[in-house]
Structure formats: C-alpha cells, structure tokens
Amino acid sequence: MLALSSLFAAAFFAATLIPAQSEAVLLGLIWAEAHPVALLLLVATAGNVLGSLVNWLLGRYLALVATRRWFPFSPAQLRRASDWYQRWGYWSLLASWMPLIGDPLTLAAGVLKEPLWRFLLIVTLAKGGRYLLLAAAALNAL
C-alpha cells in the first residue's frame, strides 16, 4: 500500500507546483513487479489528473492568487501557455503531459473557463497515454 500511495503522491505533485518524478517511481514499481501494471497505471494517472485539476481550479481563481509570491508560474509562462491554448483550443490539453508547458496549459484551461468535463477527459487521455507508453517501454526493457 505504501508503494501505491507513494506513486499517487509523486504523480499528483508532479502535476502541481511541487517538483516530483512520477515516471521514476512508476518505472521502479513496474520493474519490481510489486503490483499489477494496470493498477500502477490507474494510480499514476489518477494522481496526475487530480494534480492537474488543482491547476485548473487555480486558473479559475487566478485573479485572486496570481499576484501572490508563492504562485508557481511566471507571467511569461502564463502568457506562453495562454497563447498556445488560445491558438489550439482545448486540443492543446493533449500536451498537458509535457514538461514545462503542460502544467501552465492546465492552468490556462482554468483561466479560459474550459468546461470541467472536457478538461478531465482530454487530460486523462493525455496523461494516461503517456504512462501507458512509458509502461510499454519499461516492459519491453525487461
């Protein structure tokens, strides 16, 4: 249970302001063969999507928190993510798994009032797909 909790926490924090390496935790657990791969994928995806939901919620209330010192994104990151999001629309959320741009994109989706159902659907596909590809590569390496 500790391994699954650690994976969930790493995936959650990796999608928020706290740096974490969910991929390393997932790979380690796959190679340790401690739990079924499908369960590991489910836990990692759930944690990562919920972390992105925190960003979406922050985006919805950005005007209230953007000027705070602890706010995790610079004005340049927000501008870049908003530009990307406005150019590509909700399909840009398929890039939510990407380092550096993914977290600001999920925040921009909240700022631009992306409907929650569509946000969760696309982000779950993107983040789950990334973990699925990573797991397939890990299993091929065994």
N, C-alpha and C. Protein backbone atom coordinates (compact mmCIF):
# COMPACT_ATOMS: atom_id res chain seq x y z
N MET A 1 0.82 -1.20 0.00
CA MET A 1 0.00 0.00 0.00
C MET A 1 0.86 1.26 0.00
N LEU A 2 2.00 1.20 0.68
CA LEU A 2 2.91 2.35 0.72
C LEU A 2 3.43 2.69 -0.68
N ALA A 3 3.70 1.66 -1.46
CA ALA A 3 4.20 1.89 -2.82
C ALA A 3 3.15 2.61 -3.66
N LEU A 4 1.90 2.18 -3.56
CA LEU A 4 0.84 2.82 -4.35
C LEU A 4 0.59 4.25 -3.88
N SER A 5 0.64 4.46 -2.58
CA SER A 5 0.47 5.82 -2.03
C SER A 5 1.60 6.72 -2.50
N SER A 6 2.80 6.20 -2.51
CA SER A 6 3.96 6.98 -2.97
C SER A 6 3.83 7.33 -4.45
N LEU A 7 3.37 6.37 -5.24
CA LEU A 7 3.17 6.62 -6.67
C LEU A 7 2.11 7.69 -6.88
N PHE A 8 0.99 7.57 -6.16
CA PHE A 8 -0.08 8.56 -6.28
C PHE A 8 0.45 9.94 -5.91
N ALA A 9 1.16 10.04 -4.80
CA ALA A 9 1.69 11.33 -4.34
C ALA A 9 2.67 11.92 -5.35
N ALA A 10 3.57 11.09 -5.87
CA ALA A 10 4.55 11.58 -6.85
C ALA A 10 3.85 12.08 -8.11
N ALA A 11 2.84 11.34 -8.56
CA ALA A 11 2.10 11.74 -9.77
C ALA A 11 1.31 13.01 -9.51
N PHE A 12 0.69 13.11 -8.35
CA PHE A 12 -0.08 14.30 -8.00
C PHE A 12 0.83 15.53 -7.96
N PHE A 13 1.90 15.44 -7.21
CA PHE A 13 2.78 16.59 -7.05
C PHE A 13 3.49 16.95 -8.35
N ALA A 14 3.77 15.97 -9.20
CA ALA A 14 4.42 16.24 -10.48
C ALA A 14 3.55 17.13 -11.36
N ALA A 15 2.24 17.11 -11.14
CA ALA A 15 1.31 17.91 -11.95
C ALA A 15 0.99 19.24 -11.30
N THR A 16 1.55 19.51 -10.13
CA THR A 16 1.28 20.76 -9.43
C THR A 16 2.57 21.55 -9.27
N LEU A 17 2.63 22.36 -8.24
CA LEU A 17 3.78 23.23 -8.02
C LEU A 17 5.00 22.54 -7.45
N ILE A 18 4.84 21.38 -6.87
CA ILE A 18 5.95 20.71 -6.18
C ILE A 18 6.62 19.76 -7.16
N PRO A 19 7.92 19.90 -7.35
CA PRO A 19 8.62 19.01 -8.28
C PRO A 19 8.62 17.57 -7.78
N ALA A 20 8.32 16.66 -8.66
CA ALA A 20 8.33 15.23 -8.34
C ALA A 20 8.57 14.45 -9.63
N GLN A 21 9.08 13.25 -9.48
CA GLN A 21 9.38 12.41 -10.63
C GLN A 21 8.50 11.17 -10.63
N SER A 22 7.29 11.32 -11.09
CA SER A 22 6.37 10.20 -11.09
C SER A 22 6.82 9.09 -12.04
N GLU A 23 7.48 9.46 -13.11
CA GLU A 23 7.93 8.46 -14.08
C GLU A 23 8.94 7.51 -13.44
N ALA A 24 9.86 8.05 -12.65
CA ALA A 24 10.87 7.21 -11.99
C ALA A 24 10.21 6.26 -10.99
N VAL A 25 9.25 6.76 -10.25
CA VAL A 25 8.54 5.91 -9.28
C VAL A 25 7.77 4.81 -10.01
N LEU A 26 7.07 5.19 -11.08
CA LEU A 26 6.32 4.20 -11.86
C LEU A 26 7.25 3.12 -12.43
N LEU A 27 8.35 3.54 -13.03
CA LEU A 27 9.28 2.56 -13.61
C LEU A 27 9.83 1.62 -12.54
N GLY A 28 10.20 2.18 -11.41
CA GLY A 28 10.72 1.35 -10.33
C GLY A 28 9.72 0.30 -9.87
N LEU A 29 8.47 0.70 -9.76
CA LEU A 29 7.44 -0.24 -9.32
C LEU A 29 7.11 -1.28 -10.39
N ILE A 30 7.16 -0.87 -11.65
CA ILE A 30 6.95 -1.85 -12.73
C ILE A 30 8.05 -2.89 -12.71
N TRP A 31 9.29 -2.43 -12.62
CA TRP A 31 10.42 -3.35 -12.64
C TRP A 31 10.49 -4.21 -11.38
N ALA A 32 9.98 -3.72 -10.26
CA ALA A 32 9.95 -4.50 -9.03
C ALA A 32 8.85 -5.57 -9.06
N GLU A 33 7.92 -5.42 -9.99
CA GLU A 33 6.80 -6.35 -10.15
C GLU A 33 6.03 -6.54 -8.84
N ALA A 34 5.90 -5.44 -8.09
CA ALA A 34 5.22 -5.50 -6.80
C ALA A 34 3.70 -5.46 -6.93
N HIS A 35 3.21 -4.86 -8.01
CA HIS A 35 1.77 -4.71 -8.24
C HIS A 35 1.49 -4.91 -9.72
N PRO A 36 0.25 -5.25 -10.06
CA PRO A 36 -0.11 -5.36 -11.48
C PRO A 36 0.10 -4.02 -12.20
N VAL A 37 0.59 -4.07 -13.40
CA VAL A 37 0.89 -2.86 -14.16
C VAL A 37 -0.37 -2.02 -14.36
N ALA A 38 -1.50 -2.67 -14.60
CA ALA A 38 -2.75 -1.92 -14.80
C ALA A 38 -3.09 -1.10 -13.56
N LEU A 39 -2.88 -1.65 -12.38
CA LEU A 39 -3.15 -0.91 -11.14
C LEU A 39 -2.19 0.27 -11.01
N LEU A 40 -0.93 0.05 -11.33
CA LEU A 40 0.05 1.14 -11.27
C LEU A 40 -0.33 2.27 -12.23
N LEU A 41 -0.77 1.90 -13.43
CA LEU A 41 -1.18 2.92 -14.41
C LEU A 41 -2.40 3.69 -13.92
N LEU A 42 -3.33 3.00 -13.33
CA LEU A 42 -4.53 3.65 -12.81
C LEU A 42 -4.18 4.64 -11.68
N VAL A 43 -3.34 4.22 -10.76
CA VAL A 43 -2.95 5.08 -9.64
C VAL A 43 -2.17 6.29 -10.13
N ALA A 44 -1.20 6.08 -11.02
CA ALA A 44 -0.39 7.19 -11.53
C ALA A 44 -1.25 8.18 -12.31
N THR A 45 -2.13 7.67 -13.16
CA THR A 45 -2.99 8.55 -13.95
C THR A 45 -3.93 9.34 -13.05
N ALA A 46 -4.54 8.67 -12.08
CA ALA A 46 -5.46 9.36 -11.16
C ALA A 46 -4.74 10.48 -10.41
N GLY A 47 -3.56 10.19 -9.89
CA GLY A 47 -2.81 11.21 -9.16
C GLY A 47 -2.43 12.38 -10.05
N ASN A 48 -1.97 12.10 -11.25
CA ASN A 48 -1.54 13.15 -12.14
C ASN A 48 -2.71 14.01 -12.63
N VAL A 49 -3.84 13.37 -12.91
CA VAL A 49 -5.02 14.12 -13.35
C VAL A 49 -5.55 14.99 -12.21
N LEU A 50 -5.57 14.46 -11.00
CA LEU A 50 -6.04 15.26 -9.87
C LEU A 50 -5.10 16.44 -9.61
N GLY A 51 -3.80 16.25 -9.80
CA GLY A 51 -2.87 17.36 -9.69
C GLY A 51 -3.15 18.43 -10.73
N SER A 52 -3.48 18.01 -11.94
CA SER A 52 -3.83 18.97 -12.99
C SER A 52 -5.14 19.67 -12.67
N LEU A 53 -6.03 18.98 -12.00
CA LEU A 53 -7.29 19.60 -11.59
C LEU A 53 -7.03 20.75 -10.61
N VAL A 54 -6.02 20.59 -9.76
CA VAL A 54 -5.63 21.69 -8.86
C VAL A 54 -5.22 22.90 -9.68
N ASN A 55 -4.44 22.69 -10.74
CA ASN A 55 -4.04 23.79 -11.61
C ASN A 55 -5.26 24.44 -12.27
N TRP A 56 -6.19 23.63 -12.75
CA TRP A 56 -7.40 24.15 -13.39
C TRP A 56 -8.17 25.01 -12.40
N LEU A 57 -8.30 24.53 -11.16
CA LEU A 57 -9.00 25.29 -10.12
C LEU A 57 -8.28 26.60 -9.81
N LEU A 58 -6.95 26.54 -9.73
CA LEU A 58 -6.18 27.78 -9.54
C LEU A 58 -6.44 28.74 -10.69
N GLY A 59 -6.49 28.20 -11.91
CA GLY A 59 -6.76 29.03 -13.08
C GLY A 59 -8.12 29.70 -13.01
N ARG A 60 -9.10 28.99 -12.52
CA ARG A 60 -10.44 29.57 -12.39
C ARG A 60 -10.44 30.77 -11.45
N TYR A 61 -9.55 30.74 -10.48
CA TYR A 61 -9.49 31.80 -9.48
C TYR A 61 -8.18 32.58 -9.57
N LEU A 62 -7.61 32.61 -10.75
CA LEU A 62 -6.30 33.22 -10.97
C LEU A 62 -6.25 34.67 -10.52
N ALA A 63 -7.26 35.43 -10.79
CA ALA A 63 -7.25 36.85 -10.43
C ALA A 63 -7.05 37.04 -8.93
N LEU A 64 -7.46 36.06 -8.16
CA LEU A 64 -7.35 36.17 -6.71
C LEU A 64 -5.96 35.79 -6.19
N VAL A 65 -5.22 34.97 -6.95
CA VAL A 65 -3.96 34.43 -6.41
C VAL A 65 -2.72 34.73 -7.26
N ALA A 66 -2.86 35.24 -8.46
CA ALA A 66 -1.72 35.39 -9.37
C ALA A 66 -0.65 36.35 -8.86
N THR A 67 -1.00 37.26 -8.01
CA THR A 67 -0.02 38.22 -7.52
C THR A 67 0.68 37.75 -6.25
N ARG A 68 0.32 36.61 -5.75
CA ARG A 68 0.93 36.08 -4.53
C ARG A 68 2.34 35.57 -4.82
N ARG A 69 3.22 35.74 -3.84
CA ARG A 69 4.62 35.31 -4.01
C ARG A 69 4.75 33.82 -4.28
N TRP A 70 3.90 33.02 -3.68
CA TRP A 70 4.01 31.58 -3.81
C TRP A 70 3.46 31.05 -5.13
N PHE A 71 2.82 31.90 -5.92
CA PHE A 71 2.20 31.44 -7.16
C PHE A 71 3.27 30.82 -8.06
N PRO A 72 3.05 29.60 -8.56
CA PRO A 72 4.12 28.82 -9.18
C PRO A 72 4.53 29.20 -10.59
N PHE A 73 3.75 30.01 -11.30
CA PHE A 73 4.06 30.28 -12.69
C PHE A 73 4.41 31.74 -12.89
N SER A 74 5.40 31.98 -13.72
CA SER A 74 5.81 33.36 -14.02
C SER A 74 4.81 33.95 -15.02
N PRO A 75 4.76 35.28 -15.10
CA PRO A 75 3.90 35.90 -16.11
C PRO A 75 4.23 35.43 -17.53
N ALA A 76 5.52 35.21 -17.82
CA ALA A 76 5.92 34.75 -19.16
C ALA A 76 5.37 33.35 -19.43
N GLN A 77 5.42 32.45 -18.43
CA GLN A 77 4.89 31.10 -18.62
C GLN A 77 3.38 31.16 -18.85
N LEU A 78 2.70 31.98 -18.09
CA LEU A 78 1.25 32.11 -18.25
C LEU A 78 0.89 32.67 -19.61
N ARG A 79 1.63 33.66 -20.06
CA ARG A 79 1.37 34.27 -21.37
C ARG A 79 1.58 33.24 -22.48
N ARG A 80 2.70 32.49 -22.40
CA ARG A 80 3.01 31.48 -23.41
C ARG A 80 1.94 30.39 -23.44
N ALA A 81 1.54 29.92 -22.26
CA ALA A 81 0.51 28.87 -22.19
C ALA A 81 -0.83 29.39 -22.69
N SER A 82 -1.19 30.61 -22.32
CA SER A 82 -2.46 31.18 -22.78
C SER A 82 -2.47 31.37 -24.29
N ASP A 83 -1.34 31.84 -24.85
CA ASP A 83 -1.24 31.99 -26.30
C ASP A 83 -1.42 30.65 -27.00
N TRP A 84 -0.71 29.63 -26.48
CA TRP A 84 -0.79 28.29 -27.04
C TRP A 84 -2.23 27.80 -26.95
N TYR A 85 -2.84 27.98 -25.79
CA TYR A 85 -4.20 27.49 -25.57
C TYR A 85 -5.20 28.20 -26.47
N GLN A 86 -5.05 29.50 -26.62
CA GLN A 86 -5.97 30.24 -27.48
C GLN A 86 -5.78 29.86 -28.95
N ARG A 87 -4.56 29.53 -29.32
CA ARG A 87 -4.31 29.16 -30.71
C ARG A 87 -4.89 27.79 -31.04
N TRP A 88 -4.68 26.79 -30.16
CA TRP A 88 -5.06 25.42 -30.43
C TRP A 88 -6.34 25.00 -29.73
N GLY A 89 -6.87 25.81 -28.84
CA GLY A 89 -8.10 25.47 -28.13
C GLY A 89 -7.91 24.30 -27.18
N TYR A 90 -9.00 23.63 -26.91
CA TYR A 90 -8.94 22.55 -25.92
C TYR A 90 -8.05 21.39 -26.36
N TRP A 91 -7.78 21.27 -27.66
CA TRP A 91 -6.88 20.20 -28.11
C TRP A 91 -5.46 20.39 -27.59
N SER A 92 -5.13 21.62 -27.21
CA SER A 92 -3.80 21.85 -26.64
C SER A 92 -3.61 21.06 -25.35
N LEU A 93 -4.69 20.66 -24.71
CA LEU A 93 -4.59 19.88 -23.47
C LEU A 93 -3.99 18.49 -23.72
N LEU A 94 -3.92 18.07 -24.97
CA LEU A 94 -3.22 16.82 -25.28
C LEU A 94 -1.73 16.93 -24.95
N ALA A 95 -1.24 18.16 -24.83
CA ALA A 95 0.16 18.39 -24.45
C ALA A 95 0.32 18.59 -22.95
N SER A 96 -0.72 18.31 -22.19
CA SER A 96 -0.66 18.53 -20.74
C SER A 96 0.34 17.63 -20.04
N TRP A 97 0.80 16.58 -20.68
CA TRP A 97 1.78 15.68 -20.11
C TRP A 97 3.21 16.21 -20.25
N MET A 98 3.40 17.21 -21.10
CA MET A 98 4.75 17.68 -21.44
C MET A 98 5.39 18.48 -20.29
N PRO A 99 6.68 18.26 -20.07
CA PRO A 99 7.38 19.07 -19.07
C PRO A 99 7.37 20.55 -19.47
N LEU A 100 7.35 21.40 -18.51
CA LEU A 100 7.41 22.86 -18.64
C LEU A 100 6.14 23.50 -19.19
N ILE A 101 5.55 22.97 -20.23
CA ILE A 101 4.37 23.60 -20.82
C ILE A 101 3.07 22.99 -20.30
N GLY A 102 3.09 21.73 -19.90
CA GLY A 102 1.87 21.04 -19.51
C GLY A 102 1.14 21.64 -18.33
N ASP A 103 1.87 21.94 -17.25
CA ASP A 103 1.22 22.50 -16.06
C ASP A 103 0.64 23.89 -16.34
N PRO A 104 1.38 24.79 -16.97
CA PRO A 104 0.76 26.07 -17.31
C PRO A 104 -0.43 25.94 -18.25
N LEU A 105 -0.42 24.94 -19.13
CA LEU A 105 -1.58 24.73 -20.01
C LEU A 105 -2.83 24.38 -19.21
N THR A 106 -2.66 23.53 -18.20
CA THR A 106 -3.84 23.17 -17.41
C THR A 106 -4.33 24.36 -16.60
N LEU A 107 -3.42 25.22 -16.21
CA LEU A 107 -3.82 26.45 -15.52
C LEU A 107 -4.55 27.38 -16.49
N ALA A 108 -4.01 27.52 -17.69
CA ALA A 108 -4.64 28.37 -18.71
C ALA A 108 -6.04 27.87 -19.05
N ALA A 109 -6.23 26.55 -19.03
CA ALA A 109 -7.57 26.00 -19.29
C ALA A 109 -8.56 26.48 -18.24
N GLY A 110 -8.11 26.57 -17.01
CA GLY A 110 -8.98 27.10 -15.96
C GLY A 110 -9.26 28.57 -16.14
N VAL A 111 -8.22 29.33 -16.48
CA VAL A 111 -8.38 30.77 -16.70
C VAL A 111 -9.38 31.02 -17.82
N LEU A 112 -9.27 30.24 -18.88
CA LEU A 112 -10.14 30.42 -20.04
C LEU A 112 -11.46 29.66 -19.92
N LYS A 113 -11.72 29.17 -18.72
CA LYS A 113 -13.01 28.54 -18.37
C LYS A 113 -13.37 27.34 -19.25
N GLU A 114 -12.37 26.50 -19.51
CA GLU A 114 -12.62 25.25 -20.21
C GLU A 114 -13.60 24.43 -19.37
N PRO A 115 -14.65 23.87 -19.98
CA PRO A 115 -15.58 23.05 -19.19
C PRO A 115 -14.85 21.89 -18.52
N LEU A 116 -15.20 21.66 -17.27
CA LEU A 116 -14.52 20.65 -16.47
C LEU A 116 -14.59 19.26 -17.10
N TRP A 117 -15.72 18.88 -17.65
CA TRP A 117 -15.86 17.53 -18.21
C TRP A 117 -14.88 17.31 -19.36
N ARG A 118 -14.74 18.32 -20.22
CA ARG A 118 -13.85 18.18 -21.38
C ARG A 118 -12.39 18.23 -20.92
N PHE A 119 -12.11 19.11 -19.96
CA PHE A 119 -10.77 19.19 -19.39
C PHE A 119 -10.35 17.82 -18.85
N LEU A 120 -11.18 17.23 -18.01
CA LEU A 120 -10.84 15.94 -17.39
C LEU A 120 -10.69 14.84 -18.43
N LEU A 121 -11.54 14.83 -19.44
CA LEU A 121 -11.47 13.81 -20.48
C LEU A 121 -10.15 13.89 -21.25
N ILE A 122 -9.81 15.07 -21.73
CA ILE A 122 -8.60 15.21 -22.56
C ILE A 122 -7.34 15.02 -21.72
N VAL A 123 -7.31 15.61 -20.53
CA VAL A 123 -6.12 15.47 -19.68
C VAL A 123 -5.92 14.01 -19.26
N THR A 124 -7.01 13.31 -18.97
CA THR A 124 -6.89 11.90 -18.61
C THR A 124 -6.34 11.08 -19.78
N LEU A 125 -6.82 11.36 -20.98
CA LEU A 125 -6.29 10.66 -22.16
C LEU A 125 -4.81 10.96 -22.37
N ALA A 126 -4.43 12.21 -22.23
CA ALA A 126 -3.04 12.60 -22.46
C ALA A 126 -2.10 12.01 -21.41
N LYS A 127 -2.46 12.16 -20.16
CA LYS A 127 -1.58 11.70 -19.09
C LYS A 127 -1.59 10.18 -18.97
N GLY A 128 -2.77 9.58 -19.13
CA GLY A 128 -2.84 8.12 -19.13
C GLY A 128 -2.09 7.51 -20.29
N GLY A 129 -2.21 8.15 -21.45
CA GLY A 129 -1.48 7.67 -22.62
C GLY A 129 0.02 7.73 -22.45
N ARG A 130 0.50 8.81 -21.83
CA ARG A 130 1.94 8.93 -21.57
C ARG A 130 2.41 7.81 -20.66
N TYR A 131 1.67 7.56 -19.56
CA TYR A 131 2.06 6.48 -18.64
C TYR A 131 1.97 5.11 -19.31
N LEU A 132 0.99 4.93 -20.17
CA LEU A 132 0.84 3.66 -20.88
C LEU A 132 2.04 3.42 -21.79
N LEU A 133 2.46 4.43 -22.53
CA LEU A 133 3.65 4.29 -23.40
C LEU A 133 4.91 4.04 -22.58
N LEU A 134 5.02 4.72 -21.46
CA LEU A 134 6.18 4.52 -20.58
C LEU A 134 6.19 3.10 -20.04
N ALA A 135 5.05 2.59 -19.63
CA ALA A 135 4.96 1.23 -19.10
C ALA A 135 5.29 0.22 -20.20
N ALA A 136 4.80 0.44 -21.40
CA ALA A 136 5.10 -0.48 -22.51
C ALA A 136 6.60 -0.52 -22.78
N ALA A 137 7.24 0.64 -22.76
CA ALA A 137 8.69 0.67 -22.96
C ALA A 137 9.42 -0.04 -21.83
N ALA A 138 8.94 0.16 -20.61
CA ALA A 138 9.57 -0.49 -19.45
C ALA A 138 9.43 -2.00 -19.52
N LEU A 139 8.27 -2.46 -19.92
CA LEU A 139 8.06 -3.90 -20.01
C LEU A 139 8.87 -4.52 -21.15
N ASN A 140 9.08 -3.77 -22.23
CA ASN A 140 9.92 -4.25 -23.32
C ASN A 140 11.37 -4.35 -22.90
N ALA A 141 11.77 -3.51 -21.94
CA ALA A 141 13.16 -3.50 -21.48
C ALA A 141 13.46 -4.67 -20.55
N LEU A 142 12.40 -5.32 -20.03
CA LEU A 142 12.61 -6.45 -19.11
C LEU A 142 13.12 -7.68 -19.82
